């Protein structure tokens, strides 16, 4: 029998969707609503991401624009600079 489960290409790494997956969240904004900007520093963000993977995250969502109520919008370039 053939496996028909969807597979996402995540930068050349296949992610099979044959079961629920856990997504870790890394907010890299200075005014994060959920973590108060604790991961705005690159080193802190990387350490947090590695900890999430160690705890079982299958993929990471790195957020570069705050969704905090009243937060100012940032340019696309600023968001890219924060995330990449």
N, C-alpha and C. Protein backbone atom coordinates (compact mmCIF):
# COMPACT_ATOMS: atom_id res chain seq x y z
N UNK A 1 0.84 -1.18 0.00
CA UNK A 1 0.00 0.00 0.00
C UNK A 1 0.88 1.25 0.00
N UNK A 2 0.48 2.26 -0.74
CA UNK A 2 1.24 3.50 -0.85
C UNK A 2 0.87 4.46 0.28
N UNK A 3 1.87 5.19 0.76
CA UNK A 3 1.64 6.22 1.77
C UNK A 3 1.23 7.49 1.04
N UNK A 4 0.06 8.00 1.33
CA UNK A 4 -0.44 9.20 0.65
C UNK A 4 -0.42 10.42 1.56
N UNK A 5 0.29 10.34 2.68
CA UNK A 5 0.37 11.48 3.59
C UNK A 5 1.07 12.65 2.92
N UNK A 6 0.55 13.86 3.11
CA UNK A 6 1.22 15.03 2.54
C UNK A 6 2.60 15.22 3.15
N UNK A 7 3.50 15.78 2.35
CA UNK A 7 4.86 16.07 2.80
C UNK A 7 5.17 17.51 2.42
N UNK A 8 5.62 18.30 3.40
CA UNK A 8 6.05 19.67 3.13
C UNK A 8 7.55 19.69 2.89
N UNK A 9 7.98 20.51 1.95
CA UNK A 9 9.40 20.71 1.71
C UNK A 9 9.82 21.92 2.54
N UNK A 10 10.54 21.69 3.60
CA UNK A 10 10.99 22.76 4.49
C UNK A 10 12.47 23.01 4.24
N UNK A 11 12.75 23.85 3.26
CA UNK A 11 14.14 24.18 2.89
C UNK A 11 14.94 22.92 2.59
N UNK A 12 14.34 22.01 1.84
CA UNK A 12 15.03 20.78 1.45
C UNK A 12 14.89 19.64 2.44
N UNK A 13 14.23 19.89 3.56
CA UNK A 13 14.01 18.83 4.55
C UNK A 13 12.53 18.44 4.51
N UNK A 14 12.24 17.19 4.23
CA UNK A 14 10.84 16.78 4.17
C UNK A 14 10.22 16.72 5.57
N UNK A 15 9.01 17.23 5.68
CA UNK A 15 8.24 17.16 6.92
C UNK A 15 6.95 16.43 6.61
N UNK A 16 6.88 15.18 7.05
CA UNK A 16 5.71 14.35 6.79
C UNK A 16 4.56 14.81 7.68
N UNK A 17 3.39 14.87 7.11
CA UNK A 17 2.20 15.29 7.85
C UNK A 17 1.29 14.10 8.11
N UNK A 18 1.90 12.98 8.46
CA UNK A 18 1.14 11.76 8.73
C UNK A 18 0.67 11.69 10.18
N UNK A 19 1.02 12.70 10.97
CA UNK A 19 0.60 12.78 12.37
C UNK A 19 0.64 14.24 12.79
N UNK A 20 0.02 14.58 13.90
CA UNK A 20 0.09 15.96 14.37
C UNK A 20 1.54 16.37 14.63
N UNK A 21 1.85 17.63 14.37
CA UNK A 21 3.20 18.16 14.57
C UNK A 21 3.16 19.27 15.61
N UNK A 22 4.28 19.46 16.29
CA UNK A 22 4.40 20.50 17.30
C UNK A 22 5.20 21.66 16.73
N UNK A 23 4.63 22.88 16.82
CA UNK A 23 5.32 24.06 16.34
C UNK A 23 5.77 24.89 17.53
N UNK A 24 7.05 25.24 17.56
CA UNK A 24 7.57 26.14 18.58
C UNK A 24 7.52 27.56 18.06
N UNK A 25 7.30 28.50 18.96
CA UNK A 25 7.18 29.91 18.58
C UNK A 25 8.37 30.69 19.15
N UNK A 26 9.05 31.43 18.27
CA UNK A 26 10.15 32.30 18.68
C UNK A 26 9.79 33.71 18.24
N UNK A 27 9.49 34.58 19.20
CA UNK A 27 9.17 35.97 18.89
C UNK A 27 10.43 36.80 18.99
N UNK A 28 10.82 37.43 17.90
CA UNK A 28 12.03 38.24 17.87
C UNK A 28 11.69 39.72 17.72
N UNK A 29 10.75 40.16 18.53
CA UNK A 29 10.35 41.56 18.54
C UNK A 29 10.70 42.15 19.91
N UNK A 30 11.03 43.44 19.96
CA UNK A 30 11.39 44.03 21.25
C UNK A 30 10.20 44.20 22.18
N UNK A 31 8.99 44.13 21.64
CA UNK A 31 7.78 44.38 22.44
C UNK A 31 6.81 43.20 22.37
N UNK A 32 7.33 42.00 22.36
CA UNK A 32 6.49 40.81 22.23
C UNK A 32 5.43 40.76 23.32
N UNK A 33 4.22 40.49 22.91
CA UNK A 33 3.09 40.40 23.84
C UNK A 33 3.24 39.20 24.76
N UNK A 34 3.79 38.10 24.26
CA UNK A 34 3.84 36.87 25.04
C UNK A 34 5.09 36.72 25.89
N UNK A 35 6.22 37.29 25.47
CA UNK A 35 7.45 37.07 26.25
C UNK A 35 8.17 38.37 26.63
N UNK A 36 7.58 39.51 26.33
CA UNK A 36 8.17 40.77 26.74
C UNK A 36 9.47 41.14 26.05
N UNK A 37 9.75 40.51 24.91
CA UNK A 37 10.96 40.83 24.17
C UNK A 37 12.20 40.07 24.62
N UNK A 38 12.02 38.99 25.37
CA UNK A 38 13.16 38.22 25.88
C UNK A 38 14.03 37.63 24.79
N UNK A 39 13.49 37.43 23.58
CA UNK A 39 14.25 36.77 22.52
C UNK A 39 14.59 37.72 21.37
N UNK A 40 14.57 39.03 21.65
CA UNK A 40 14.90 40.02 20.61
C UNK A 40 16.37 39.93 20.23
N UNK A 41 17.23 39.63 21.19
CA UNK A 41 18.65 39.44 20.94
C UNK A 41 18.85 38.14 20.15
N UNK A 42 19.70 38.18 19.13
CA UNK A 42 19.91 37.01 18.27
C UNK A 42 20.34 35.78 19.06
N UNK A 43 21.27 35.94 19.97
CA UNK A 43 21.74 34.81 20.76
C UNK A 43 20.63 34.20 21.61
N UNK A 44 19.81 35.05 22.21
CA UNK A 44 18.69 34.57 23.02
C UNK A 44 17.67 33.84 22.15
N UNK A 45 17.43 34.36 20.95
CA UNK A 45 16.48 33.72 20.04
C UNK A 45 16.97 32.34 19.61
N UNK A 46 18.25 32.24 19.30
CA UNK A 46 18.81 30.94 18.89
C UNK A 46 18.76 29.95 20.04
N UNK A 47 19.12 30.40 21.24
CA UNK A 47 19.07 29.51 22.41
C UNK A 47 17.65 29.02 22.66
N UNK A 48 16.67 29.92 22.53
CA UNK A 48 15.27 29.53 22.73
C UNK A 48 14.83 28.54 21.66
N UNK A 49 15.21 28.80 20.41
CA UNK A 49 14.85 27.89 19.32
C UNK A 49 15.43 26.50 19.55
N UNK A 50 16.69 26.43 19.94
CA UNK A 50 17.32 25.13 20.20
C UNK A 50 16.64 24.41 21.36
N UNK A 51 16.25 25.16 22.39
CA UNK A 51 15.55 24.55 23.52
C UNK A 51 14.20 24.00 23.08
N UNK A 52 13.49 24.73 22.22
CA UNK A 52 12.19 24.26 21.73
C UNK A 52 12.34 22.96 20.94
N UNK A 53 13.36 22.89 20.10
CA UNK A 53 13.61 21.67 19.32
C UNK A 53 13.96 20.53 20.27
N UNK A 54 14.78 20.80 21.27
CA UNK A 54 15.14 19.77 22.25
C UNK A 54 13.91 19.26 23.00
N UNK A 55 12.93 20.15 23.20
CA UNK A 55 11.71 19.78 23.90
C UNK A 55 10.68 19.12 22.99
N UNK A 56 11.00 18.97 21.70
CA UNK A 56 10.13 18.23 20.81
C UNK A 56 9.47 18.99 19.68
N UNK A 57 9.81 20.26 19.51
CA UNK A 57 9.22 21.01 18.39
C UNK A 57 9.69 20.42 17.07
N UNK A 58 8.74 20.20 16.16
CA UNK A 58 9.05 19.68 14.83
C UNK A 58 9.41 20.79 13.85
N UNK A 59 8.89 21.98 14.08
CA UNK A 59 9.18 23.13 13.25
C UNK A 59 9.05 24.38 14.09
N UNK A 60 9.60 25.48 13.60
CA UNK A 60 9.60 26.74 14.34
C UNK A 60 8.93 27.83 13.54
N UNK A 61 8.16 28.66 14.24
CA UNK A 61 7.58 29.88 13.68
C UNK A 61 8.35 31.03 14.30
N UNK A 62 9.11 31.76 13.49
CA UNK A 62 9.89 32.89 13.98
C UNK A 62 9.14 34.16 13.59
N UNK A 63 8.66 34.89 14.58
CA UNK A 63 7.84 36.07 14.34
C UNK A 63 8.64 37.35 14.47
N UNK A 64 8.57 38.21 13.45
CA UNK A 64 9.33 39.45 13.44
C UNK A 64 8.50 40.71 13.54
N UNK A 65 7.18 40.57 13.70
CA UNK A 65 6.33 41.75 13.89
C UNK A 65 5.35 41.43 15.00
N UNK A 66 5.27 42.31 15.97
CA UNK A 66 4.42 42.09 17.13
C UNK A 66 2.94 42.18 16.76
N UNK A 67 2.15 41.33 17.37
CA UNK A 67 0.69 41.41 17.24
C UNK A 67 0.09 41.96 18.53
N UNK A 68 0.94 42.52 19.39
CA UNK A 68 0.48 43.12 20.63
C UNK A 68 -0.50 44.24 20.30
N UNK A 69 -1.60 44.35 21.04
CA UNK A 69 -2.53 45.44 20.77
C UNK A 69 -1.82 46.80 20.84
N UNK A 70 -1.98 47.59 19.79
CA UNK A 70 -1.37 48.91 19.73
C UNK A 70 0.05 48.93 19.22
N UNK A 71 0.60 47.78 18.88
CA UNK A 71 1.99 47.73 18.39
C UNK A 71 2.09 48.42 17.04
N UNK A 72 3.19 49.10 16.83
CA UNK A 72 3.43 49.76 15.54
C UNK A 72 3.81 48.71 14.50
N UNK A 73 3.35 48.94 13.28
CA UNK A 73 3.73 48.05 12.18
C UNK A 73 5.19 48.31 11.82
N UNK A 74 5.86 47.28 11.35
CA UNK A 74 7.25 47.44 10.90
C UNK A 74 7.30 47.20 9.40
N UNK A 75 8.33 47.72 8.77
CA UNK A 75 8.48 47.52 7.33
C UNK A 75 8.81 46.06 7.05
N UNK A 76 8.58 45.66 5.82
CA UNK A 76 8.91 44.29 5.42
C UNK A 76 10.40 44.03 5.60
N UNK A 77 11.24 45.03 5.28
CA UNK A 77 12.68 44.85 5.42
C UNK A 77 13.08 44.67 6.88
N UNK A 78 12.46 45.44 7.78
CA UNK A 78 12.78 45.30 9.20
C UNK A 78 12.37 43.92 9.72
N UNK A 79 11.22 43.45 9.28
CA UNK A 79 10.77 42.11 9.68
C UNK A 79 11.74 41.04 9.16
N UNK A 80 12.16 41.17 7.92
CA UNK A 80 13.14 40.22 7.35
C UNK A 80 14.44 40.27 8.13
N UNK A 81 14.91 41.47 8.46
CA UNK A 81 16.16 41.61 9.21
C UNK A 81 16.07 40.94 10.58
N UNK A 82 14.91 40.99 11.20
CA UNK A 82 14.74 40.36 12.51
C UNK A 82 14.68 38.84 12.41
N UNK A 83 14.10 38.34 11.35
CA UNK A 83 13.78 36.91 11.26
C UNK A 83 14.87 36.09 10.58
N UNK A 84 15.52 36.66 9.59
CA UNK A 84 16.48 35.87 8.80
C UNK A 84 17.89 35.99 9.37
